[in-house]
């Protein structure tokens, strides 16, 4: 999937996008969605998500083509548009989101294995944490052998994980019952879900979580054989995954009622298929999920290391993260990433963090990098930068960038104050690495505007720390 120089072709880039987007989220989707919304709100939510995320996919496509000199995707756009600290914060937030998501994946993976081996329980028993740790370091040493090899294995697991999804969709298409689907469209029978607006808002963070990875190709832009493939891979990957997600979610609502789905244990897709075809359906989905999670873990370990490495290359991160091994793998960035995953795996043993609370936190961390990417695309079109000969395109990109920006702001609102404060707690310590990077190039740490932004982050972090101590905020 790559040429002799180790550059990634279109197929490998599409697999990175699809591979990082289809992880564990889709397999838990029926329950996750039913727990927060009824059929009507789910359809409205998907419509908003499809438009919002499609504009974000176009934003990454446009920026890959119009700013070919910017490698590293999300963080590079924030830095070019809004200065060094915003660029650093995007890289830092993206990195934390990615490895936090991996912790969530490990919990879900061993919770699924718990279906076959009860010793793993819900994925956070001592046996599960030991198993997850062994697997974490096995993936780590596999990636150290080379990005190209890891990208090829990712391609194989991406194909393998799509097969059970196609089977699920086909079987459920024939078993779908309109009377179940339309029984209580606005969830009047479950008043605890609140108003339709409330239901739409509550399902939003889950929809973002299942789309994280849409920027996967843009992060590997410097390793792409052709720059134009980066944008193509983003849009192809997005449309493929959107189709799968909507089919899995909507078809499930015609197999079991919303209250029944809400009570299922994850991975809920297994229980839905078991309901239709019996025990072998649950086994098929569980095996599919295990392959899927292994592939997604590999994709995200690659993305974590790559974002830190790309940021260190242009002095946004400290120099030690720039070191590559003999196989051209950013080794120090990889060690730092997986050490953090290991620490948080041990923490899940002592705290009640479930898969869902981990993914909500991971999602809220990535909203800021998405916001800056959309704002930068909007800014380019507004200033006519790179649009000197293309006025019609400028208008189109202005509208797309504007919608993507509004969507990103709406997501911050949908996430709520709790996750905004908790993410401030994770953003604040990053300033230590930012200061180190600035010292290495002999520059002052903050500009005046950045000092104000940093002060706001510190205040948010202090409120969050007090909230966790006092108990009015929980993980």
Protein backbone atom coordinates (compact mmCIF):
# COMPACT_ATOMS: atom_id res chain seq x y z
CA UNK A 1 0.00 0.00 0.00
CA UNK A 2 3.01 2.26 -0.15
CA UNK A 3 5.73 2.78 -2.70
CA UNK A 4 9.39 1.86 -2.22
CA UNK A 5 10.16 5.20 -0.54
CA UNK A 6 7.66 4.39 2.22
CA UNK A 7 5.09 6.97 1.07
CA UNK A 8 1.44 6.11 1.70
CA UNK A 9 -0.89 5.63 -1.28
CA UNK A 10 -4.62 6.50 -1.42
CA UNK A 11 -5.74 3.03 -0.24
CA UNK A 12 -3.54 3.17 2.87
CA UNK A 13 -4.74 6.73 3.67
CA UNK A 14 -8.43 5.74 3.29
CA UNK A 15 -7.75 2.73 5.57
CA UNK A 16 -6.19 5.07 8.15
CA UNK A 17 -9.32 7.25 8.10
CA UNK A 18 -11.81 4.34 8.16
CA UNK A 19 -9.60 2.35 10.55
CA UNK A 20 -9.36 5.14 13.08
CA UNK A 21 -13.07 6.04 12.77
CA UNK A 22 -14.46 2.50 13.02
CA UNK A 23 -13.15 1.44 16.41
CA UNK A 24 -15.40 0.43 19.24
CA UNK A 25 -17.99 3.20 18.98
CA UNK A 26 -20.10 1.66 16.22
CA UNK A 27 -20.44 -1.66 18.11
CA UNK A 28 -21.93 0.13 21.14
CA UNK A 29 -24.00 2.56 19.10
CA UNK A 30 -27.48 0.97 19.49
CA UNK A 31 -27.35 1.22 23.31
CA UNK A 32 -25.41 4.52 23.51
CA UNK A 33 -27.97 6.27 21.28
CA UNK A 34 -31.07 4.69 22.81
CA UNK A 35 -29.85 5.72 26.27
CA UNK A 36 -29.96 9.39 25.26
CA UNK A 37 -32.65 9.76 22.56
CA UNK A 38 -35.78 8.37 20.90
CA UNK A 39 -36.17 7.54 17.19
CA UNK A 40 -37.19 11.08 16.11
CA UNK A 41 -34.33 12.79 17.95
CA UNK A 42 -31.87 10.19 16.62
CA UNK A 43 -32.89 11.00 13.02
CA UNK A 44 -32.62 14.78 13.63
CA UNK A 45 -29.26 14.30 15.34
CA UNK A 46 -27.86 12.25 12.47
CA UNK A 47 -29.02 14.86 9.96
CA UNK A 48 -27.18 17.62 11.90
CA UNK A 49 -24.12 15.40 12.34
CA UNK A 50 -24.01 14.39 8.68
CA UNK A 51 -24.06 18.03 7.52
CA UNK A 52 -21.67 19.24 10.26
CA UNK A 53 -19.15 16.44 9.87
CA UNK A 54 -19.32 16.56 6.06
CA UNK A 55 -18.39 20.25 6.18
CA UNK A 56 -15.51 19.35 8.52
CA UNK A 57 -14.38 16.66 6.05
CA UNK A 58 -14.48 19.31 3.28
CA UNK A 59 -12.53 21.70 5.55
CA UNK A 60 -9.73 19.12 5.89
CA UNK A 61 -9.86 18.47 2.13
CA UNK A 62 -9.72 22.19 1.27
CA UNK A 63 -6.89 22.90 3.72
CA UNK A 64 -4.86 19.89 2.48
CA UNK A 65 -5.08 21.28 -1.09
CA UNK A 66 -4.77 25.02 -0.38
CA UNK A 67 -2.04 24.82 2.25
CA UNK A 68 0.16 21.92 1.03
CA UNK A 69 3.09 23.30 3.05
CA UNK A 70 1.30 22.64 6.37
CA UNK A 71 2.00 19.09 7.57
CA UNK A 72 0.36 17.55 10.61
CA UNK A 73 -3.26 18.57 10.01
CA UNK A 74 -5.27 19.88 12.95
CA UNK A 75 -2.44 21.39 14.93
CA UNK A 76 -0.69 23.04 11.96
CA UNK A 77 -3.90 24.85 10.94
CA UNK A 78 -4.46 26.22 14.46
CA UNK A 79 -0.86 27.44 14.61
CA UNK A 80 -0.92 29.10 11.18
CA UNK A 81 -4.20 30.87 11.90
CA UNK A 82 -4.07 31.71 15.59
CA UNK A 83 -0.49 31.60 16.83
CA UNK A 84 1.90 29.23 18.57
CA UNK A 85 -0.01 28.61 21.82
CA UNK A 86 -3.24 27.73 19.97
CA UNK A 87 -1.23 25.44 17.70
CA UNK A 88 0.40 23.79 20.69
CA UNK A 89 -2.97 23.45 22.49
CA UNK A 90 -4.48 21.78 19.43
CA UNK A 91 -1.64 19.26 19.21
CA UNK A 92 -1.75 18.67 22.98
CA UNK A 93 -5.57 18.33 23.09
CA UNK A 94 -5.61 16.04 20.08
CA UNK A 95 -2.86 13.88 21.55
CA UNK A 96 -4.63 13.55 24.93
CA UNK A 97 -7.93 12.80 23.19
CA UNK A 98 -6.28 10.07 21.13
CA UNK A 99 -4.58 8.21 23.97
CA UNK A 100 -7.58 8.65 26.32
CA UNK A 101 -9.65 7.07 23.55
CA UNK A 102 -7.17 4.18 23.50
CA UNK A 103 -7.71 3.64 27.24
CA UNK A 104 -11.46 3.49 26.48
CA UNK A 105 -10.77 0.99 23.67
CA UNK A 106 -8.81 -1.29 26.02
CA UNK A 107 -11.65 -1.23 28.56
CA UNK A 108 -14.19 -2.11 25.83
CA UNK A 109 -11.94 -4.77 24.31
CA UNK A 110 -11.55 -6.66 27.59
CA UNK A 111 -15.21 -6.12 28.46
CA UNK A 112 -15.98 -7.90 25.14
CA UNK A 113 -13.52 -10.69 25.96
CA UNK A 114 -15.40 -10.91 29.28
CA UNK A 115 -18.29 -12.33 27.19
CA UNK A 116 -16.10 -15.41 26.60
CA UNK A 117 -13.88 -15.24 29.73
CA UNK A 118 -15.74 -13.95 32.82
CA UNK A 119 -12.42 -13.17 34.59
CA UNK A 120 -12.20 -9.95 32.50
CA UNK A 121 -15.58 -8.69 33.79
CA UNK A 122 -16.43 -5.18 32.54
CA UNK A 123 -12.89 -4.61 31.28
CA UNK A 124 -11.51 -3.03 34.45
CA UNK A 125 -10.72 -6.08 36.64
CA UNK A 126 -7.07 -6.81 37.61
CA UNK A 127 -6.91 -9.60 34.96
CA UNK A 128 -8.25 -7.20 32.29
CA UNK A 129 -5.70 -4.49 33.18
CA UNK A 130 -2.80 -6.99 33.06
CA UNK A 131 -4.06 -8.30 29.69
CA UNK A 132 -4.49 -4.73 28.35
CA UNK A 133 -0.98 -3.80 29.49
CA UNK A 134 0.59 -6.81 27.72
CA UNK A 135 -1.33 -5.94 24.54
CA UNK A 136 -0.42 -2.24 24.78
CA UNK A 137 3.31 -2.98 24.77
CA UNK A 138 2.94 -5.59 22.01
CA UNK A 139 1.35 -2.90 19.78
CA UNK A 140 4.07 -0.46 20.90
CA UNK A 141 6.90 -2.72 19.72
CA UNK A 142 5.04 -3.52 16.49
CA UNK A 143 4.81 0.21 15.66
CA UNK A 144 8.51 0.69 16.52
CA UNK A 145 9.25 -1.65 13.59
CA UNK A 146 7.93 0.90 11.06
CA UNK A 147 4.97 3.13 10.10
CA UNK A 148 4.67 1.55 6.64
CA UNK A 149 4.35 -1.99 8.08
CA UNK A 150 1.86 -0.82 10.72
CA UNK A 151 -0.20 0.98 8.04
CA UNK A 152 -0.37 -2.27 6.03
CA UNK A 153 -1.58 -4.29 9.07
CA UNK A 154 -4.13 -1.51 9.67
CA UNK A 155 -5.40 -1.98 6.09
CA UNK A 156 -5.90 -5.73 6.69
CA UNK A 157 -7.78 -5.20 10.00
CA UNK A 158 -9.91 -2.46 8.37
CA UNK A 159 -11.12 -4.93 5.73
CA UNK A 160 -11.70 -7.61 8.41
CA UNK A 161 -13.77 -5.31 10.64
CA UNK A 162 -16.07 -4.17 7.80
CA UNK A 163 -17.28 -7.75 7.05
CA UNK A 164 -19.38 -8.25 10.26
CA UNK A 165 -20.82 -4.74 9.82
CA UNK A 166 -22.04 -5.58 6.30
CA UNK A 167 -23.54 -8.86 7.56
CA UNK A 168 -25.27 -7.07 10.45
CA UNK A 169 -26.81 -4.50 8.07
CA UNK A 170 -28.05 -7.17 5.62
CA UNK A 171 -29.59 -9.42 8.31
CA UNK A 172 -31.24 -6.51 10.15
CA UNK A 173 -32.59 -5.10 6.88
CA UNK A 174 -34.71 -8.26 6.48
CA UNK A 175 -35.68 -8.43 10.17
CA UNK A 176 -36.57 -4.69 10.40
CA UNK A 177 -40.13 -3.99 11.63
CA UNK A 178 -41.76 -0.64 10.94
CA UNK A 179 -44.24 -1.06 13.83
CA UNK A 180 -41.37 -1.25 16.35
CA UNK A 181 -39.55 1.66 14.68
CA UNK A 182 -42.60 3.98 14.78
CA UNK A 183 -44.04 2.84 18.14
CA UNK A 184 -42.84 5.86 20.18
CA UNK A 185 -41.01 8.18 17.79
CA UNK A 186 -40.59 11.12 20.20
CA UNK A 187 -39.90 8.92 23.28
CA UNK A 188 -43.03 10.17 25.08
CA UNK A 189 -43.05 6.90 27.03
CA UNK A 190 -39.63 7.68 28.53
CA UNK A 191 -40.02 11.20 29.96
CA UNK A 192 -36.61 11.00 31.72
CA UNK A 193 -34.97 11.60 28.31
CA UNK A 194 -36.40 15.15 28.36
CA UNK A 195 -37.42 17.31 25.42
CA UNK A 196 -36.52 16.47 21.82
CA UNK A 197 -33.92 19.29 21.85
CA UNK A 198 -32.43 17.78 24.99
CA UNK A 199 -32.31 14.32 23.40
CA UNK A 200 -30.57 15.69 20.29
CA UNK A 201 -28.03 17.49 22.47
CA UNK A 202 -27.34 14.39 24.57
CA UNK A 203 -26.67 12.14 21.58
CA UNK A 204 -24.29 14.66 19.99
CA UNK A 205 -21.14 13.73 21.91
CA UNK A 206 -21.64 10.07 20.98
CA UNK A 207 -21.93 11.02 17.28
CA UNK A 208 -18.72 13.05 17.45
CA UNK A 209 -16.92 10.19 19.15
CA UNK A 210 -17.76 7.76 16.34
CA UNK A 211 -16.43 10.26 13.77
CA UNK A 212 -13.15 11.07 15.48
CA UNK A 213 -10.45 10.00 13.04
CA UNK A 214 -11.92 11.98 10.14
CA UNK A 215 -8.69 14.01 10.19
CA UNK A 216 -6.49 10.87 10.13
CA UNK A 217 -5.25 11.34 6.56
CA UNK A 218 -4.37 15.02 7.10
CA UNK A 219 -2.13 14.13 10.05
CA UNK A 220 -0.12 11.81 7.80
CA UNK A 221 -0.02 14.39 4.97
CA UNK A 222 3.79 14.56 5.00
CA UNK A 223 3.94 10.79 4.41
CA UNK A 224 1.36 10.76 1.56
CA UNK A 225 2.57 9.89 -1.94
CA UNK A 226 0.29 12.58 -3.46
CA UNK A 227 -1.03 15.59 -1.53
CA UNK A 228 -4.34 15.49 -3.41
CA UNK A 229 -4.94 11.98 -1.99
CA UNK A 230 -5.20 13.42 1.54
CA UNK A 231 -8.44 15.27 0.77
CA UNK A 232 -9.85 12.39 -1.29
CA UNK A 233 -9.13 9.87 1.49
CA UNK A 234 -10.87 12.12 4.05
CA UNK A 235 -14.12 12.40 2.06
CA UNK A 236 -14.20 8.72 0.91
CA UNK A 237 -13.56 7.56 4.48
CA UNK A 238 -16.22 9.87 5.90
CA UNK A 239 -18.99 8.83 3.49
CA UNK A 240 -18.24 5.10 4.00
CA UNK A 241 -18.33 5.37 7.80
CA UNK A 242 -21.44 7.61 7.86
CA UNK A 243 -23.33 4.99 5.85
CA UNK A 244 -22.38 2.21 8.28
CA UNK A 245 -23.18 4.26 11.38
CA UNK A 246 -26.65 5.36 10.26
CA UNK A 247 -27.54 1.82 9.09
CA UNK A 248 -26.45 0.21 12.37
CA UNK A 249 -28.26 2.79 14.50
CA UNK A 250 -31.51 3.09 12.52
CA UNK A 251 -31.92 -0.64 11.77
CA UNK A 252 -31.46 -1.52 15.48
CA UNK A 253 -34.40 0.77 16.34
CA UNK A 254 -36.60 -1.40 14.11
CA UNK A 255 -35.47 -4.65 15.78
CA UNK A 256 -35.86 -3.73 19.48
CA UNK A 257 -37.67 -0.82 21.14
CA UNK A 258 -35.76 2.20 22.45
CA UNK A 259 -36.20 1.22 26.18
CA UNK A 260 -35.02 -2.36 25.40
CA UNK A 261 -31.94 -1.08 23.55
CA UNK A 262 -31.11 1.38 26.34
CA UNK A 263 -30.87 -1.51 28.85
CA UNK A 264 -28.44 -3.63 26.77
CA UNK A 265 -24.88 -4.28 27.85
CA UNK A 266 -22.14 -3.18 25.42
CA UNK A 267 -21.18 -4.13 22.77
CA UNK A 268 -24.94 -3.75 22.18
CA UNK A 269 -24.74 -4.67 18.46
CA UNK A 270 -24.02 -8.25 19.60
CA UNK A 271 -27.25 -8.39 21.63
CA UNK A 272 -29.28 -6.91 18.73
CA UNK A 273 -28.02 -9.58 16.29
CA UNK A 274 -28.47 -12.30 18.92
CA UNK A 275 -32.11 -11.15 19.20
CA UNK A 276 -32.55 -11.85 15.45
CA UNK A 277 -30.47 -14.97 14.73
CA UNK A 278 -29.55 -16.44 18.12
CA UNK A 279 -26.23 -16.98 19.92
CA UNK A 280 -23.95 -17.16 16.84
CA UNK A 281 -24.89 -13.55 16.02
CA UNK A 282 -23.45 -12.35 19.33
CA UNK A 283 -20.26 -14.38 18.76
CA UNK A 284 -19.84 -12.97 15.22
CA UNK A 285 -20.16 -9.35 16.39
CA UNK A 286 -17.89 -9.91 19.41
CA UNK A 287 -15.15 -11.39 17.20
CA UNK A 288 -15.65 -8.52 14.72
CA UNK A 289 -15.31 -6.01 17.56
CA UNK A 290 -12.11 -7.60 18.87
CA UNK A 291 -10.51 -7.37 15.38
CA UNK A 292 -11.88 -3.84 14.99
CA UNK A 293 -10.49 -2.64 18.31
CA UNK A 294 -7.06 -4.12 17.62
CA UNK A 295 -6.99 -2.28 14.28
CA UNK A 296 -8.25 0.97 15.80
CA UNK A 297 -5.68 0.76 18.62
CA UNK A 298 -2.96 0.46 15.99
CA UNK A 299 -4.34 3.45 14.00
CA UNK A 300 -4.53 5.62 17.11
CA UNK A 301 -1.10 4.69 18.43
CA UNK A 302 0.24 5.79 15.01
CA UNK A 303 -1.76 9.04 15.11
CA UNK A 304 -0.67 9.85 18.69
CA UNK A 305 3.01 9.52 17.88
CA UNK A 306 2.69 11.34 14.54
CA UNK A 307 0.97 14.46 15.97
CA UNK A 308 3.66 14.93 18.66
CA UNK A 309 6.43 14.31 16.14
CA UNK A 310 4.98 16.75 13.57
CA UNK A 311 4.61 19.43 16.28
CA UNK A 312 8.18 18.87 17.50
CA UNK A 313 9.56 19.18 13.95
CA UNK A 314 8.61 22.86 13.82
CA UNK A 315 9.48 23.61 17.48
CA UNK A 316 5.89 23.71 18.79
CA UNK A 317 6.76 20.71 21.02
CA UNK A 318 10.15 20.12 22.72
CA UNK A 319 13.03 18.73 20.72
CA UNK A 320 13.20 15.30 22.40
CA UNK A 321 9.89 14.36 20.72
CA UNK A 322 11.50 14.77 17.30
CA UNK A 323 13.78 11.75 17.65
CA UNK A 324 13.13 8.94 15.16
CA UNK A 325 14.52 5.41 15.38
CA UNK A 326 16.26 3.55 12.54
CA UNK A 327 12.81 2.66 11.07
CA UNK A 328 11.79 6.34 10.91
CA UNK A 329 9.29 5.93 13.76
CA UNK A 330 9.01 8.83 16.27
CA UNK A 331 10.19 6.66 19.17
CA UNK A 332 10.16 9.17 22.06
CA UNK A 333 6.65 10.38 21.15
CA UNK A 334 5.56 6.73 21.13
CA UNK A 335 7.09 5.97 24.55
CA UNK A 336 5.48 9.06 26.10
CA UNK A 337 2.06 8.20 24.61
CA UNK A 338 1.99 4.60 25.75
CA UNK A 339 3.34 5.44 29.20
CA UNK A 340 0.29 7.72 29.64
CA UNK A 341 -2.06 4.96 28.44
CA UNK A 342 -0.44 2.57 30.96
CA UNK A 343 -0.88 5.04 33.86
CA UNK A 344 -4.56 5.59 33.02
CA UNK A 345 -5.17 1.84 32.64
CA UNK A 346 -4.01 1.43 36.24
CA UNK A 347 -6.25 4.37 37.28
CA UNK A 348 -9.33 2.65 35.76
CA UNK A 349 -8.69 -0.19 38.20
CA UNK A 350 -9.31 2.14 41.16
CA UNK A 351 -11.86 4.55 39.69
CA UNK A 352 -15.31 3.84 38.30
CA UNK A 353 -14.48 5.28 34.88
CA UNK A 354 -16.55 3.40 32.39
CA UNK A 355 -16.03 3.26 28.64
CA UNK A 356 -18.64 6.00 28.16
CA UNK A 357 -17.16 8.54 30.60
CA UNK A 358 -13.70 8.01 29.04
CA UNK A 359 -15.01 8.62 25.53
CA UNK A 360 -16.95 11.74 26.57
CA UNK A 361 -13.77 13.20 28.02
CA UNK A 362 -11.73 12.16 24.95
CA UNK A 363 -14.37 13.76 22.69
CA UNK A 364 -14.41 17.06 24.58
CA UNK A 365 -10.60 17.25 24.24
CA UNK A 366 -10.79 17.02 20.45
CA UNK A 367 -13.49 19.69 20.03
CA UNK A 368 -10.95 22.52 20.39
CA UNK A 369 -8.64 21.28 17.55
CA UNK A 370 -11.72 20.82 15.32
CA UNK A 371 -12.92 24.34 16.15
CA UNK A 372 -9.58 25.93 15.17
CA UNK A 373 -9.35 23.96 11.90
CA UNK A 374 -12.84 25.14 10.87
CA UNK A 375 -12.05 28.72 11.95
CA UNK A 376 -8.82 28.70 9.92
CA UNK A 377 -10.58 27.50 6.74
CA UNK A 378 -13.22 30.20 7.24
CA UNK A 379 -10.51 32.83 7.80
CA UNK A 380 -8.65 31.87 4.57
CA UNK A 381 -11.82 32.28 2.51
CA UNK A 382 -12.73 35.51 4.30
CA UNK A 383 -9.32 37.06 3.59
CA UNK A 384 -9.27 35.62 0.02
CA UNK A 385 -5.91 34.06 0.88
CA UNK A 386 -4.99 31.46 -1.83
CA UNK A 387 -8.24 32.37 -3.70
CA UNK A 388 -6.81 35.08 -5.96
CA UNK A 389 -8.03 33.38 -9.17
CA UNK A 390 -10.99 31.44 -7.78
CA UNK A 391 -13.86 33.66 -6.66
CA UNK A 392 -16.60 31.01 -7.11
CA UNK A 393 -14.61 28.53 -5.02
CA UNK A 394 -14.06 31.19 -2.36
CA UNK A 395 -17.82 31.67 -1.94
CA UNK A 396 -18.40 27.92 -1.64
CA UNK A 397 -15.57 27.49 0.89
CA UNK A 398 -16.79 30.50 2.89
CA UNK A 399 -20.20 28.80 3.31
CA UNK A 400 -18.66 25.38 4.09
CA UNK A 401 -16.17 26.89 6.57
CA UNK A 402 -18.96 28.91 8.20
CA UNK A 403 -21.20 25.85 8.68
CA UNK A 404 -18.25 23.79 10.03
CA UNK A 405 -17.42 26.60 12.48
CA UNK A 406 -21.03 26.86 13.72
CA UNK A 407 -21.14 23.08 14.09
CA UNK A 408 -17.91 23.07 16.13
CA UNK A 409 -19.32 25.80 18.43
CA UNK A 410 -22.60 23.86 18.78
CA UNK A 411 -20.60 20.75 19.81
CA UNK A 412 -18.87 22.67 22.60
CA UNK A 413 -22.33 23.74 23.81
CA UNK A 414 -23.70 20.17 23.48
CA UNK A 415 -20.75 18.81 25.47
CA UNK A 416 -21.71 21.01 28.41
CA UNK A 417 -19.73 22.90 31.05
CA UNK A 418 -18.62 19.78 32.94
CA UNK A 419 -16.46 18.40 30.12
CA UNK A 420 -15.17 21.86 29.21
CA UNK A 421 -13.86 22.29 32.79
CA UNK A 422 -12.41 18.77 32.90
CA UNK A 423 -10.61 19.36 29.61
CA UNK A 424 -9.17 22.63 31.00
CA UNK A 425 -7.66 20.49 33.77
CA UNK A 426 -5.88 18.42 31.10
CA UNK A 427 -4.93 21.41 28.91
CA UNK A 428 -3.27 23.44 31.71
CA UNK A 429 -0.22 21.19 32.44
CA UNK A 430 0.67 21.19 28.74
CA UNK A 431 2.10 24.69 29.19
CA UNK A 432 5.22 23.08 30.74
CA UNK A 433 6.10 21.42 27.40
CA UNK A 434 5.16 24.60 25.52
CA UNK A 435 7.53 26.67 27.71
CA UNK A 436 10.32 24.13 27.18
CA UNK A 437 9.85 24.28 23.37
CA UNK A 438 9.93 28.10 23.42
CA UNK A 439 13.08 28.17 25.60
CA UNK A 440 14.85 25.82 23.16
CA UNK A 441 14.46 28.40 20.37
CA UNK A 442 15.10 31.40 22.66
CA UNK A 443 11.64 32.98 22.25
CA UNK A 444 9.35 34.54 24.88
CA UNK A 445 6.77 31.99 26.07
CA UNK A 446 3.48 33.86 25.57
CA UNK A 447 2.29 36.88 23.61
CA UNK A 448 -0.02 39.26 25.54
CA UNK A 449 -3.18 37.68 24.07
CA UNK A 450 -1.86 34.18 24.83
CA UNK A 451 -1.27 35.18 28.46
CA UNK A 452 -5.00 35.98 28.77
CA UNK A 453 -5.99 32.69 27.12
CA UNK A 454 -3.65 30.73 29.39
CA UNK A 455 -5.03 32.54 32.47
CA UNK A 456 -8.58 31.47 31.44
CA UNK A 457 -7.39 27.84 31.04
CA UNK A 458 -5.75 27.91 34.50
CA UNK A 459 -8.94 29.32 36.11
CA UNK A 460 -11.01 26.57 34.41
CA UNK A 461 -8.52 23.94 35.61
CA UNK A 462 -8.65 25.23 39.22
CA UNK A 463 -12.47 25.18 39.20
CA UNK A 464 -12.38 21.61 37.82
CA UNK A 465 -9.81 20.48 40.42
CA UNK A 466 -11.95 21.95 43.23
CA UNK A 467 -15.07 20.39 41.66
CA UNK A 468 -13.49 16.91 41.67
CA UNK A 469 -12.32 17.40 45.28
CA UNK A 470 -15.68 18.74 46.46
CA UNK A 471 -17.70 16.21 44.46
CA UNK A 472 -19.79 18.58 42.30
CA UNK A 473 -17.79 17.33 39.30
CA UNK A 474 -17.24 13.63 38.66
CA UNK A 475 -15.38 11.67 36.03
